[in-house]
């Protein structure tokens, strides 16, 4: 009988949609801006597409959107 190997657990990656200086930015976990839009829904759509691409590579992904009160809402997760 062979040795059973534990299946690797995918890492969790986050994309954040935040409002800065009148633009909605998609940022990665390090806070680097990777996309900007004037419309919040466009930024969320872009973040979800980026998250889906990461998920296709085997990553677990979460897209969070900053709310007016400073809280966060999950827009998509794998």
C-alpha atoms as a PDB file:
ATOM      1  CA  UNK A   1       0.000   0.000   0.000  1.00  0.00           C
ATOM      2  CA  UNK A   2       1.193   3.531  -0.789  1.00  0.00           C
ATOM      3  CA  UNK A   3       1.534   6.375   1.613  1.00  0.00           C
ATOM      4  CA  UNK A   4      -1.506   8.639   1.698  1.00  0.00           C
ATOM      5  CA  UNK A   5      -0.628  12.228   0.999  1.00  0.00           C
ATOM      6  CA  UNK A   6      -2.646  15.073   2.361  1.00  0.00           C
ATOM      7  CA  UNK A   7      -4.160  17.227  -0.364  1.00  0.00           C
ATOM      8  CA  UNK A   8      -2.716  20.754  -0.167  1.00  0.00           C
ATOM      9  CA  UNK A   9      -5.112  23.383   1.115  1.00  0.00           C
ATOM     10  CA  UNK A  10      -5.362  26.324  -1.258  1.00  0.00           C
ATOM     11  CA  UNK A  11      -4.374  29.711   0.096  1.00  0.00           C
ATOM     12  CA  UNK A  12      -7.031  32.349   0.617  1.00  0.00           C
ATOM     13  CA  UNK A  13      -6.563  35.448  -1.521  1.00  0.00           C
ATOM     14  CA  UNK A  14      -8.476  38.696  -1.053  1.00  0.00           C
ATOM     15  CA  UNK A  15      -9.424  41.483  -3.431  1.00  0.00           C
ATOM     16  CA  UNK A  16     -10.748  44.688  -1.881  1.00  0.00           C
ATOM     17  CA  UNK A  17     -12.903  47.336  -3.570  1.00  0.00           C
ATOM     18  CA  UNK A  18     -12.353  50.674  -1.820  1.00  0.00           C
ATOM     19  CA  UNK A  19     -13.166  54.335  -2.474  1.00  0.00           C
ATOM     20  CA  UNK A  20     -10.129  56.639  -2.731  1.00  0.00           C
ATOM     21  CA  UNK A  21     -10.233  60.220  -4.027  1.00  0.00           C
ATOM     22  CA  UNK A  22     -13.466  59.767  -5.974  1.00  0.00           C
ATOM     23  CA  UNK A  23     -12.455  56.505  -7.655  1.00  0.00           C
ATOM     24  CA  UNK A  24     -13.246  52.918  -6.779  1.00  0.00           C
ATOM     25  CA  UNK A  25     -10.034  50.927  -6.554  1.00  0.00           C
ATOM     26  CA  UNK A  26      -9.506  47.198  -6.654  1.00  0.00           C
ATOM     27  CA  UNK A  27      -6.620  46.419  -4.327  1.00  0.00           C
ATOM     28  CA  UNK A  28      -4.779  43.233  -3.520  1.00  0.00           C
ATOM     29  CA  UNK A  29      -3.894  42.026  -0.024  1.00  0.00           C
ATOM     30  CA  UNK A  30      -0.841  44.285   0.145  1.00  0.00           C
ATOM     31  CA  UNK A  31      -2.951  47.354  -0.705  1.00  0.00           C
ATOM     32  CA  UNK A  32      -1.560  47.752  -4.210  1.00  0.00           C
ATOM     33  CA  UNK A  33      -4.098  49.314  -6.567  1.00  0.00           C
ATOM     34  CA  UNK A  34      -4.571  47.001  -9.536  1.00  0.00           C
ATOM     35  CA  UNK A  35      -7.601  48.640 -11.161  1.00  0.00           C
ATOM     36  CA  UNK A  36      -9.548  51.909 -10.821  1.00  0.00           C
ATOM     37  CA  UNK A  37     -13.033  52.876 -11.948  1.00  0.00           C
ATOM     38  CA  UNK A  38     -15.417  55.789 -11.565  1.00  0.00           C
ATOM     39  CA  UNK A  39     -18.354  53.412 -11.004  1.00  0.00           C
ATOM     40  CA  UNK A  40     -18.451  51.064  -8.008  1.00  0.00           C
ATOM     41  CA  UNK A  41     -20.210  48.260  -9.896  1.00  0.00           C
ATOM     42  CA  UNK A  42     -17.561  48.307 -12.620  1.00  0.00           C
ATOM     43  CA  UNK A  43     -14.844  47.907  -9.980  1.00  0.00           C
ATOM     44  CA  UNK A  44     -16.746  45.058  -8.300  1.00  0.00           C
ATOM     45  CA  UNK A  45     -17.231  43.301 -11.653  1.00  0.00           C
ATOM     46  CA  UNK A  46     -13.524  43.648 -12.424  1.00  0.00           C
ATOM     47  CA  UNK A  47     -12.590  42.295  -8.976  1.00  0.00           C
ATOM     48  CA  UNK A  48     -14.911  39.304  -9.366  1.00  0.00           C
ATOM     49  CA  UNK A  49     -13.423  38.454 -12.768  1.00  0.00           C
ATOM     50  CA  UNK A  50      -9.907  38.676 -11.315  1.00  0.00           C
ATOM     51  CA  UNK A  51     -11.023  36.472  -8.406  1.00  0.00           C
ATOM     52  CA  UNK A  52     -12.513  33.900 -10.772  1.00  0.00           C
ATOM     53  CA  UNK A  53      -9.224  33.756 -12.682  1.00  0.00           C
ATOM     54  CA  UNK A  54      -7.324  33.150  -9.429  1.00  0.00           C
ATOM     55  CA  UNK A  55      -9.863  30.496  -8.429  1.00  0.00           C
ATOM     56  CA  UNK A  56      -9.299  28.741 -11.769  1.00  0.00           C
ATOM     57  CA  UNK A  57      -5.606  28.521 -10.770  1.00  0.00           C
ATOM     58  CA  UNK A  58      -6.595  26.683  -7.579  1.00  0.00           C
ATOM     59  CA  UNK A  59      -6.787  29.582  -5.127  1.00  0.00           C
ATOM     60  CA  UNK A  60      -9.606  30.264  -2.695  1.00  0.00           C
ATOM     61  CA  UNK A  61     -10.658  33.880  -3.230  1.00  0.00           C
ATOM     62  CA  UNK A  62     -12.763  36.476  -1.433  1.00  0.00           C
ATOM     63  CA  UNK A  63     -13.890  39.841  -2.874  1.00  0.00           C
ATOM     64  CA  UNK A  64     -14.754  42.457  -0.232  1.00  0.00           C
ATOM     65  CA  UNK A  65     -16.385  45.842  -0.855  1.00  0.00           C
ATOM     66  CA  UNK A  66     -15.989  48.751   1.543  1.00  0.00           C
ATOM     67  CA  UNK A  67     -19.311  50.186   2.723  1.00  0.00           C
ATOM     68  CA  UNK A  68     -20.080  53.836   3.545  1.00  0.00           C
ATOM     69  CA  UNK A  69     -19.921  53.112   7.296  1.00  0.00           C
ATOM     70  CA  UNK A  70     -16.455  51.531   7.023  1.00  0.00           C
ATOM     71  CA  UNK A  71     -17.665  47.937   7.262  1.00  0.00           C
ATOM     72  CA  UNK A  72     -17.054  45.309   4.586  1.00  0.00           C
ATOM     73  CA  UNK A  73     -19.475  43.296   2.468  1.00  0.00           C
ATOM     74  CA  UNK A  74     -18.563  40.097   0.673  1.00  0.00           C
ATOM     75  CA  UNK A  75     -19.313  40.466  -3.044  1.00  0.00           C
ATOM     76  CA  UNK A  76     -18.031  37.049  -4.152  1.00  0.00           C
ATOM     77  CA  UNK A  77     -16.185  34.061  -2.764  1.00  0.00           C
ATOM     78  CA  UNK A  78     -15.014  30.772  -4.145  1.00  0.00           C
END
